[in-house]
Protein backbone atom coordinates (compact mmCIF):
# COMPACT_ATOMS: atom_id res chain seq x y z
CA MET A 1 0.00 0.00 0.00
CA SER A 2 1.38 3.40 -0.96
CA ILE A 3 1.77 6.20 1.55
CA THR A 4 -0.99 8.10 -0.28
CA ASP A 5 -3.32 5.11 0.10
CA GLN A 6 -2.46 4.91 3.80
CA PHE A 7 -3.33 8.59 4.24
CA TRP A 8 -6.68 8.04 2.49
CA GLN A 9 -7.34 5.07 4.76
CA TYR A 10 -6.58 7.13 7.88
CA ALA A 11 -8.94 9.87 6.65
CA LYS A 12 -11.68 7.31 6.06
CA GLU A 13 -11.22 5.78 9.52
CA ALA A 14 -11.34 9.20 11.19
CA MET A 15 -14.51 10.08 9.27
CA LEU A 16 -16.19 6.82 10.22
CA SER A 17 -15.16 7.26 13.84
CA ALA A 18 -16.70 10.74 13.81
CA CYS A 19 -20.04 9.14 12.96
CA TYR A 20 -19.92 7.23 16.25
CA ALA A 21 -18.45 9.97 18.43
CA LYS A 22 -20.25 10.43 21.73
CA THR A 23 -19.71 14.18 22.06
CA ASP A 24 -19.69 17.11 19.67
CA ASP A 25 -16.11 17.89 20.69
CA ASP A 26 -14.98 14.36 19.84
CA LYS A 27 -16.85 14.49 16.54
CA GLN A 28 -15.25 17.80 15.59
CA ALA A 29 -11.78 16.57 16.56
CA LEU A 30 -12.21 13.48 14.38
CA LEU A 31 -13.52 15.53 11.46
CA ASP A 32 -10.51 17.84 11.81
CA LEU A 33 -8.25 14.78 11.81
CA ALA A 34 -9.96 13.44 8.69
CA GLN A 35 -9.40 16.79 7.01
CA THR A 36 -5.72 16.75 7.96
CA TRP A 37 -5.24 13.24 6.53
CA THR A 38 -7.12 14.19 3.37
CA GLN A 39 -4.88 17.20 2.88
CA ALA A 40 -1.81 15.03 3.47
CA ALA A 41 -3.01 12.52 0.88
CA LEU A 42 -3.64 15.25 -1.68
CA LEU A 43 -0.24 16.84 -1.07
CA GLU A 44 1.51 13.49 -1.27
CA ARG A 45 -0.26 12.66 -4.54
CA GLN A 46 0.70 16.07 -5.91
CA SER A 47 4.34 15.65 -4.92
CA ILE A 48 4.45 12.21 -6.56
CA ASN A 49 3.07 13.70 -9.77
CA TYR A 50 5.68 16.46 -9.79
CA ASP A 51 8.56 14.15 -8.89
CA SER A 52 7.74 11.40 -11.39
CA PRO A 53 8.39 11.39 -15.11
CA ALA A 54 5.37 11.90 -17.34
CA GLU A 55 5.43 8.25 -18.38
CA ALA A 56 5.04 7.08 -14.79
CA ARG A 57 2.09 9.45 -14.23
CA ALA A 58 0.31 8.03 -17.25
CA ALA A 59 0.51 4.47 -15.91
C-alpha cells in the first residue's frame, strides 16, 4: 500500500469514527483529523506527480 493510500485510509477511519463519536467535541476533533489526513493525501499525490516522469504518471 502506498503512503498516499495509507493517508486516504486514515482519513476514512477518522470520518467513520466521527459518525460514532459520543460528544460534539470528539466528533469535531475526528472531522478535523480526517481533514488533515485528506490534505496530506492530496499533497503526497501532488508531490508524486511532480517528482515522477510523465510516463510514470500516465501508468
